[in-house]
PDB file of all heavy atoms in Angstrom:
ATOM      1  N   ASP A   1      45.097  99.428  51.902  1.00  0.00           N
ATOM      2  CA  ASP A   1      44.296  99.690  53.070  1.00  0.00           C
ATOM      3  C   ASP A   1      44.406  98.791  54.210  1.00  0.00           C
ATOM      4  O   ASP A   1      43.697  98.799  55.277  1.00  0.00           O
ATOM      5  CB  ASP A   1      42.823  99.777  52.681  1.00  0.00           C
ATOM      6  CG  ASP A   1      42.302  98.352  52.258  1.00  0.00           C
ATOM      7  OD1 ASP A   1      43.127  97.440  52.175  1.00  0.00           O
ATOM      8  OD2 ASP A   1      41.109  98.284  51.852  1.00  0.00           O
ATOM      9  N   GLY A   2      45.416  97.801  54.117  1.00  0.00           N
ATOM     10  CA  GLY A   2      45.707  96.869  55.209  1.00  0.00           C
ATOM     11  C   GLY A   2      44.937  95.542  55.120  1.00  0.00           C
ATOM     12  O   GLY A   2      45.224  94.577  55.822  1.00  0.00           O
ATOM     13  N   SER A   3      44.038  95.471  54.198  1.00  0.00           N
ATOM     14  CA  SER A   3      43.219  94.254  53.999  1.00  0.00           C
ATOM     15  C   SER A   3      44.090  93.195  53.108  1.00  0.00           C
ATOM     16  O   SER A   3      45.002  93.635  52.406  1.00  0.00           O
ATOM     17  CB  SER A   3      41.959  94.454  53.396  1.00  0.00           C
ATOM     18  OG  SER A   3      42.105  95.007  51.941  1.00  0.00           O
ATOM     19  N   TRP A   4      43.665  91.953  53.123  1.00  0.00           N
ATOM     20  CA  TRP A   4      44.376  90.862  52.352  1.00  0.00           C
ATOM     21  C   TRP A   4      43.567  90.582  51.094  1.00  0.00           C
ATOM     22  O   TRP A   4      44.190  90.101  50.085  1.00  0.00           O
ATOM     23  CB  TRP A   4      44.449  89.703  53.258  1.00  0.00           C
ATOM     24  CG  TRP A   4      45.315  89.845  54.363  1.00  0.00           C
ATOM     25  CD1 TRP A   4      44.978  90.013  55.657  1.00  0.00           C
ATOM     26  CD2 TRP A   4      46.724  90.003  54.413  1.00  0.00           C
ATOM     27  NE1 TRP A   4      46.036  90.212  56.553  1.00  0.00           N
ATOM     28  CE2 TRP A   4      47.159  90.217  55.664  1.00  0.00           C
ATOM     29  CE3 TRP A   4      47.753  90.059  53.363  1.00  0.00           C
ATOM     30  CZ2 TRP A   4      48.496  90.456  56.128  1.00  0.00           C
ATOM     31  CZ3 TRP A   4      49.038  90.216  53.683  1.00  0.00           C
ATOM     32  CH2 TRP A   4      49.364  90.387  55.152  1.00  0.00           C
ATOM     33  N   GLY A   5      42.277  90.747  51.024  1.00  0.00           N
ATOM     34  CA  GLY A   5      41.547  90.388  49.699  1.00  0.00           C
ATOM     35  C   GLY A   5      41.623  88.906  49.495  1.00  0.00           C
ATOM     36  O   GLY A   5      41.700  88.161  50.407  1.00  0.00           O
ATOM     37  N   SER A   6      41.454  88.566  48.123  1.00  0.00           N
ATOM     38  CA  SER A   6      41.471  87.156  47.832  1.00  0.00           C
ATOM     39  C   SER A   6      42.910  86.699  47.668  1.00  0.00           C
ATOM     40  O   SER A   6      43.886  87.432  47.438  1.00  0.00           O
ATOM     41  CB  SER A   6      40.748  86.996  46.608  1.00  0.00           C
ATOM     42  OG  SER A   6      41.260  87.813  45.448  1.00  0.00           O
ATOM     43  N   TYR A   7      43.077  85.396  47.724  1.00  0.00           N
ATOM     44  CA  TYR A   7      44.464  84.815  47.645  1.00  0.00           C
ATOM     45  C   TYR A   7      44.933  84.960  46.075  1.00  0.00           C
ATOM     46  O   TYR A   7      44.232  85.084  45.156  1.00  0.00           O
ATOM     47  CB  TYR A   7      44.421  83.346  48.039  1.00  0.00           C
ATOM     48  CG  TYR A   7      43.551  82.403  47.273  1.00  0.00           C
ATOM     49  CD1 TYR A   7      44.060  81.824  46.081  1.00  0.00           C
ATOM     50  CD2 TYR A   7      42.228  82.041  47.693  1.00  0.00           C
ATOM     51  CE1 TYR A   7      43.257  80.956  45.347  1.00  0.00           C
ATOM     52  CE2 TYR A   7      41.514  81.241  46.953  1.00  0.00           C
ATOM     53  CZ  TYR A   7      41.968  80.639  45.775  1.00  0.00           C
ATOM     54  OH  TYR A   7      41.195  79.774  45.079  1.00  0.00           O
ATOM     55  N   ILE A   8      46.283  85.002  46.092  1.00  0.00           N
ATOM     56  CA  ILE A   8      46.940  85.285  44.755  1.00  0.00           C
ATOM     57  C   ILE A   8      47.546  83.955  44.230  1.00  0.00           C
ATOM     58  O   ILE A   8      47.920  83.874  43.022  1.00  0.00           O
ATOM     59  CB  ILE A   8      47.961  86.348  44.799  1.00  0.00           C
ATOM     60  CG1 ILE A   8      49.094  85.998  45.797  1.00  0.00           C
ATOM     61  CG2 ILE A   8      47.363  87.654  45.117  1.00  0.00           C
ATOM     62  CD1 ILE A   8      50.222  87.127  45.806  1.00  0.00           C
ATOM     63  N   ALA A   9      47.621  82.938  45.203  1.00  0.00           N
ATOM     64  CA  ALA A   9      48.189  81.583  44.660  1.00  0.00           C
ATOM     65  C   ALA A   9      47.757  80.558  45.708  1.00  0.00           C
ATOM     66  O   ALA A   9      47.557  80.891  46.874  1.00  0.00           O
ATOM     67  CB  ALA A   9      49.727  81.694  44.636  1.00  0.00           C
ATOM     68  N   ARG A  10      47.646  79.295  45.213  1.00  0.00           N
ATOM     69  CA  ARG A  10      47.187  78.243  46.095  1.00  0.00           C
ATOM     70  C   ARG A  10      47.898  77.008  45.506  1.00  0.00           C
ATOM     71  O   ARG A  10      48.134  76.719  44.492  1.00  0.00           O
ATOM     72  CB  ARG A  10      45.744  78.037  45.916  1.00  0.00           C
ATOM     73  CG  ARG A  10      45.200  76.748  46.530  1.00  0.00           C
ATOM     74  CD  ARG A  10      43.701  76.458  46.056  1.00  0.00           C
ATOM     75  NE  ARG A  10      43.149  75.263  46.633  1.00  0.00           N
ATOM     76  CZ  ARG A  10      43.388  74.144  46.053  1.00  0.00           C
ATOM     77  NH1 ARG A  10      44.062  73.832  45.053  1.00  0.00           N
ATOM     78  NH2 ARG A  10      42.768  72.935  46.741  1.00  0.00           N
ATOM     79  N   ASN A  11      48.187  76.061  46.586  1.00  0.00           N
ATOM     80  CA  ASN A  11      48.637  74.709  46.117  1.00  0.00           C
ATOM     81  C   ASN A  11      48.150  73.732  47.225  1.00  0.00           C
ATOM     82  O   ASN A  11      48.061  74.086  48.416  1.00  0.00           O
ATOM     83  CB  ASN A  11      50.150  74.656  46.177  1.00  0.00           C
ATOM     84  CG  ASN A  11      50.693  73.305  45.762  1.00  0.00           C
ATOM     85  OD1 ASN A  11      51.150  72.486  46.669  1.00  0.00           O
ATOM     86  ND2 ASN A  11      50.580  72.891  44.537  1.00  0.00           N
ATOM     87  N   ASP A  12      47.768  72.573  46.723  1.00  0.00           N
ATOM     88  CA  ASP A  12      47.439  71.471  47.547  1.00  0.00           C
ATOM     89  C   ASP A  12      48.441  70.450  47.590  1.00  0.00           C
ATOM     90  O   ASP A  12      49.393  70.472  48.485  1.00  0.00           O
ATOM     91  CB  ASP A  12      46.032  70.907  46.969  1.00  0.00           C
ATOM     92  CG  ASP A  12      45.494  69.676  47.755  1.00  0.00           C
ATOM     93  OD1 ASP A  12      46.049  69.497  49.051  1.00  0.00           O
ATOM     94  OD2 ASP A  12      44.771  68.916  47.333  1.00  0.00           O
ATOM     95  N   ASP A  13      48.550  69.454  46.730  1.00  0.00           N
ATOM     96  CA  ASP A  13      49.495  68.344  46.806  1.00  0.00           C
ATOM     97  C   ASP A  13      50.684  68.698  45.943  1.00  0.00           C
ATOM     98  O   ASP A  13      50.540  69.041  44.719  1.00  0.00           O
ATOM     99  CB  ASP A  13      48.881  67.017  46.309  1.00  0.00           C
ATOM    100  CG  ASP A  13      47.756  66.658  47.287  1.00  0.00           C
ATOM    101  OD1 ASP A  13      47.939  66.804  48.444  1.00  0.00           O
ATOM    102  OD2 ASP A  13      46.771  66.185  46.717  1.00  0.00           O
ATOM    103  N   ALA A  14      51.851  68.808  46.456  1.00  0.00           N
ATOM    104  CA  ALA A  14      53.170  69.038  45.721  1.00  0.00           C
ATOM    105  C   ALA A  14      53.724  67.755  45.242  1.00  0.00           C
ATOM    106  O   ALA A  14      54.171  67.086  46.089  1.00  0.00           O
ATOM    107  CB  ALA A  14      54.106  69.926  46.562  1.00  0.00           C
ATOM    108  N   GLY A  15      53.684  67.539  44.018  1.00  0.00           N
ATOM    109  CA  GLY A  15      54.255  66.188  43.380  1.00  0.00           C
ATOM    110  C   GLY A  15      53.456  65.108  43.959  1.00  0.00           C
ATOM    111  O   GLY A  15      52.312  65.009  43.880  1.00  0.00           O
ATOM    112  N   SER A  16      54.128  64.055  44.496  1.00  0.00           N
ATOM    113  CA  SER A  16      53.531  62.943  45.041  1.00  0.00           C
ATOM    114  C   SER A  16      53.260  62.979  46.473  1.00  0.00           C
ATOM    115  O   SER A  16      52.869  62.070  47.196  1.00  0.00           O
ATOM    116  CB  SER A  16      54.446  61.666  44.743  1.00  0.00           C
ATOM    117  OG  SER A  16      55.826  61.882  45.397  1.00  0.00           O
ATOM    118  N   SER A  17      53.454  64.236  47.081  1.00  0.00           N
ATOM    119  CA  SER A  17      53.253  64.407  48.450  1.00  0.00           C
ATOM    120  C   SER A  17      51.846  65.039  48.792  1.00  0.00           C
ATOM    121  O   SER A  17      51.263  65.823  47.948  1.00  0.00           O
ATOM    122  CB  SER A  17      54.374  65.226  49.060  1.00  0.00           C
ATOM    123  OG  SER A  17      54.012  65.670  50.369  1.00  0.00           O
ATOM    124  N   ARG A  18      51.416  64.849  49.999  1.00  0.00           N
ATOM    125  CA  ARG A  18      50.098  65.540  50.427  1.00  0.00           C
ATOM    126  C   ARG A  18      50.525  66.951  51.035  1.00  0.00           C
ATOM    127  O   ARG A  18      49.581  67.571  51.372  1.00  0.00           O
ATOM    128  CB  ARG A  18      49.423  64.678  51.355  1.00  0.00           C
ATOM    129  CG  ARG A  18      48.755  63.388  50.741  1.00  0.00           C
ATOM    130  CD  ARG A  18      47.896  62.715  51.834  1.00  0.00           C
ATOM    131  NE  ARG A  18      47.241  61.479  51.277  1.00  0.00           N
ATOM    132  CZ  ARG A  18      46.076  61.542  50.624  1.00  0.00           C
ATOM    133  NH1 ARG A  18      45.478  62.722  50.497  1.00  0.00           N
ATOM    134  NH2 ARG A  18      45.588  60.401  50.130  1.00  0.00           N
ATOM    135  N   PHE A  19      51.838  67.136  51.154  1.00  0.00           N
ATOM    136  CA  PHE A  19      52.185  68.496  51.596  1.00  0.00           C
ATOM    137  C   PHE A  19      52.122  69.430  50.441  1.00  0.00           C
ATOM    138  O   PHE A  19      51.827  69.038  49.270  1.00  0.00           O
ATOM    139  CB  PHE A  19      53.657  68.451  52.173  1.00  0.00           C
ATOM    140  CG  PHE A  19      53.786  67.877  53.509  1.00  0.00           C
ATOM    141  CD1 PHE A  19      54.528  66.700  53.793  1.00  0.00           C
ATOM    142  CD2 PHE A  19      53.103  68.381  54.609  1.00  0.00           C
ATOM    143  CE1 PHE A  19      54.608  66.101  54.897  1.00  0.00           C
ATOM    144  CE2 PHE A  19      53.160  67.790  55.886  1.00  0.00           C
ATOM    145  CZ  PHE A  19      53.867  66.679  56.061  1.00  0.00           C
ATOM    146  N   SER A  20      52.321  70.786  50.779  1.00  0.00           N
ATOM    147  CA  SER A  20      52.113  71.817  49.691  1.00  0.00           C
ATOM    148  C   SER A  20      53.347  72.632  49.419  1.00  0.00           C
ATOM    149  O   SER A  20      54.266  72.748  50.281  1.00  0.00           O
ATOM    150  CB  SER A  20      51.015  72.712  50.190  1.00  0.00           C
ATOM    151  OG  SER A  20      49.928  72.032  50.688  1.00  0.00           O
ATOM    152  N   SER A  21      53.397  73.283  48.284  1.00  0.00           N
ATOM    153  CA  SER A  21      54.528  74.136  47.864  1.00  0.00           C
ATOM    154  C   SER A  21      54.149  75.139  46.905  1.00  0.00           C
ATOM    155  O   SER A  21      53.401  74.879  45.962  1.00  0.00           O
ATOM    156  CB  SER A  21      55.592  73.225  47.218  1.00  0.00           C
ATOM    157  OG  SER A  21      56.810  73.904  46.827  1.00  0.00           O
ATOM    158  N   LEU A  22      54.665  76.343  47.158  1.00  0.00           N
ATOM    159  CA  LEU A  22      54.448  77.429  46.245  1.00  0.00           C
ATOM    160  C   LEU A  22      55.760  78.169  45.947  1.00  0.00           C
ATOM    161  O   LEU A  22      56.547  78.507  46.795  1.00  0.00           O
ATOM    162  CB  LEU A  22      53.530  78.543  46.763  1.00  0.00           C
ATOM    163  CG  LEU A  22      51.953  78.198  46.901  1.00  0.00           C
ATOM    164  CD1 LEU A  22      51.269  79.115  47.810  1.00  0.00           C
ATOM    165  CD2 LEU A  22      51.317  78.195  45.565  1.00  0.00           C
ATOM    166  N   ASP A  23      56.090  78.399  44.682  1.00  0.00           N
ATOM    167  CA  ASP A  23      57.351  78.969  44.204  1.00  0.00           C
ATOM    168  C   ASP A  23      56.928  80.226  43.305  1.00  0.00           C
ATOM    169  O   ASP A  23      56.306  79.951  42.225  1.00  0.00           O
ATOM    170  CB  ASP A  23      58.226  78.038  43.523  1.00  0.00           C
ATOM    171  CG  ASP A  23      59.644  78.687  43.238  1.00  0.00           C
ATOM    172  OD1 ASP A  23      59.823  79.884  43.447  1.00  0.00           O
ATOM    173  OD2 ASP A  23      60.572  77.903  42.806  1.00  0.00           O
ATOM    174  N   ARG A  24      57.137  81.412  43.736  1.00  0.00           N
ATOM    175  CA  ARG A  24      56.677  82.571  42.955  1.00  0.00           C
ATOM    176  C   ARG A  24      57.692  83.671  43.031  1.00  0.00           C
ATOM    177  O   ARG A  24      58.469  83.915  43.988  1.00  0.00           O
ATOM    178  CB  ARG A  24      55.373  83.167  43.585  1.00  0.00           C
ATOM    179  CG  ARG A  24      54.087  82.297  43.487  1.00  0.00           C
ATOM    180  CD  ARG A  24      53.722  82.102  42.016  1.00  0.00           C
ATOM    181  NE  ARG A  24      52.414  81.319  41.984  1.00  0.00           N
ATOM    182  CZ  ARG A  24      52.258  80.092  41.970  1.00  0.00           C
ATOM    183  NH1 ARG A  24      53.412  79.337  42.087  1.00  0.00           N
ATOM    184  NH2 ARG A  24      51.145  79.555  41.839  1.00  0.00           N
ATOM    185  N   THR A  25      57.703  84.469  41.944  1.00  0.00           N
ATOM    186  CA  THR A  25      58.474  85.741  41.883  1.00  0.00           C
ATOM    187  C   THR A  25      57.535  86.877  42.345  1.00  0.00           C
ATOM    188  O   THR A  25      56.503  86.978  41.690  1.00  0.00           O
ATOM    189  CB  THR A  25      59.064  86.066  40.542  1.00  0.00           C
ATOM    190  OG1 THR A  25      59.953  84.943  40.169  1.00  0.00           O
ATOM    191  CG2 THR A  25      59.808  87.413  40.466  1.00  0.00           C
ATOM    192  N   LEU A  26      57.905  87.483  43.412  1.00  0.00           N
ATOM    193  CA  LEU A  26      57.025  88.530  44.094  1.00  0.00           C
ATOM    194  C   LEU A  26      57.666  89.842  44.046  1.00  0.00           C
ATOM    195  O   LEU A  26      58.863  89.989  44.105  1.00  0.00           O
ATOM    196  CB  LEU A  26      56.574  88.039  45.495  1.00  0.00           C
ATOM    197  CG  LEU A  26      56.006  86.662  45.618  1.00  0.00           C
ATOM    198  CD1 LEU A  26      55.800  86.283  47.155  1.00  0.00           C
ATOM    199  CD2 LEU A  26      54.693  86.616  44.899  1.00  0.00           C
ATOM    200  N   ASP A  27      56.771  90.913  44.027  1.00  0.00           N
ATOM    201  CA  ASP A  27      57.204  92.297  44.154  1.00  0.00           C
ATOM    202  C   ASP A  27      57.322  92.730  45.598  1.00  0.00           C
ATOM    203  O   ASP A  27      57.025  91.885  46.526  1.00  0.00           O
ATOM    204  CB  ASP A  27      56.349  93.263  43.420  1.00  0.00           C
ATOM    205  CG  ASP A  27      56.234  92.919  41.947  1.00  0.00           C
ATOM    206  OD1 ASP A  27      57.332  92.509  41.356  1.00  0.00           O
ATOM    207  OD2 ASP A  27      55.166  93.045  41.338  1.00  0.00           O
ATOM    208  N   ALA A  28      57.876  93.873  45.868  1.00  0.00           N
ATOM    209  CA  ALA A  28      57.999  94.410  47.225  1.00  0.00           C
ATOM    210  C   ALA A  28      56.573  94.469  47.793  1.00  0.00           C
ATOM    211  O   ALA A  28      55.490  94.681  47.166  1.00  0.00           O
ATOM    212  CB  ALA A  28      58.503  95.844  47.230  1.00  0.00           C
ATOM    213  N   GLY A  29      56.394  94.190  49.157  1.00  0.00           N
ATOM    214  CA  GLY A  29      55.156  94.260  49.838  1.00  0.00           C
ATOM    215  C   GLY A  29      55.113  93.210  51.080  1.00  0.00           C
ATOM    216  O   GLY A  29      56.206  92.610  51.306  1.00  0.00           O
ATOM    217  N   THR A  30      54.041  93.208  51.623  1.00  0.00           N
ATOM    218  CA  THR A  30      53.770  92.354  52.834  1.00  0.00           C
ATOM    219  C   THR A  30      52.949  91.285  52.463  1.00  0.00           C
ATOM    220  O   THR A  30      51.843  91.471  51.801  1.00  0.00           O
ATOM    221  CB  THR A  30      53.249  93.097  54.058  1.00  0.00           C
ATOM    222  OG1 THR A  30      54.127  94.099  54.448  1.00  0.00           O
ATOM    223  CG2 THR A  30      53.018  92.149  55.236  1.00  0.00           C
ATOM    224  N   TYR A  31      53.259  89.970  52.733  1.00  0.00           N
ATOM    225  CA  TYR A  31      52.515  88.856  52.287  1.00  0.00           C
ATOM    226  C   TYR A  31      52.056  87.978  53.412  1.00  0.00           C
ATOM    227  O   TYR A  31      52.776  88.064  54.493  1.00  0.00           O
ATOM    228  CB  TYR A  31      53.333  88.002  51.360  1.00  0.00           C
ATOM    229  CG  TYR A  31      53.711  88.709  50.002  1.00  0.00           C
ATOM    230  CD1 TYR A  31      54.754  89.521  49.870  1.00  0.00           C
ATOM    231  CD2 TYR A  31      52.911  88.509  48.846  1.00  0.00           C
ATOM    232  CE1 TYR A  31      55.078  90.205  48.782  1.00  0.00           C
ATOM    233  CE2 TYR A  31      53.157  89.148  47.673  1.00  0.00           C
ATOM    234  CZ  TYR A  31      54.306  89.999  47.599  1.00  0.00           C
ATOM    235  OH  TYR A  31      54.591  90.629  46.457  1.00  0.00           O
ATOM    236  N   ARG A  32      50.983  87.282  53.246  1.00  0.00           N
ATOM    237  CA  ARG A  32      50.533  86.283  54.242  1.00  0.00           C
ATOM    238  C   ARG A  32      50.404  84.954  53.693  1.00  0.00           C
ATOM    239  O   ARG A  32      49.788  84.681  52.649  1.00  0.00           O
ATOM    240  CB  ARG A  32      49.230  86.806  54.839  1.00  0.00           C
ATOM    241  CG  ARG A  32      48.631  85.756  55.940  1.00  0.00           C
ATOM    242  CD  ARG A  32      47.366  86.334  56.553  1.00  0.00           C
ATOM    243  NE  ARG A  32      46.254  85.906  55.728  1.00  0.00           N
ATOM    244  CZ  ARG A  32      44.904  86.075  56.042  1.00  0.00           C
ATOM    245  NH1 ARG A  32      44.657  86.670  57.191  1.00  0.00           N
ATOM    246  NH2 ARG A  32      44.040  85.599  55.190  1.00  0.00           N
ATOM    247  N   ILE A  33      50.955  83.990  54.480  1.00  0.00           N
ATOM    248  CA  ILE A  33      50.806  82.573  54.150  1.00  0.00           C
ATOM    249  C   ILE A  33      49.776  81.945  55.044  1.00  0.00           C
ATOM    250  O   ILE A  33      49.938  82.173  56.341  1.00  0.00           O
ATOM    251  CB  ILE A  33      52.184  81.783  54.262  1.00  0.00           C
ATOM    252  CG1 ILE A  33      53.002  82.211  53.160  1.00  0.00           C
ATOM    253  CG2 ILE A  33      51.916  80.294  54.208  1.00  0.00           C
ATOM    254  CD1 ILE A  33      52.637  81.682  51.764  1.00  0.00           C
ATOM    255  N   THR A  34      48.748  81.219  54.532  1.00  0.00           N
ATOM    256  CA  THR A  34      47.785  80.598  55.334  1.00  0.00           C
ATOM    257  C   THR A  34      47.847  79.011  54.988  1.00  0.00           C
ATOM    258  O   THR A  34      47.849  78.640  53.828  1.00  0.00           O
ATOM    259  CB  THR A  34      46.311  81.002  55.030  1.00  0.00           C
ATOM    260  OG1 THR A  34      46.284  82.449  55.358  1.00  0.00           O
ATOM    261  CG2 THR A  34      45.350  80.353  55.886  1.00  0.00           C
TER     262      THR A  34
END
């Protein structure tokens, strides 16, 4: 319906860094990163 709903993945600190990282296997579709 064009909505985003709830998030499907989240990351805060990647390893020893305060930056973030997500590595996922995803299916066809449109995704949003916030």
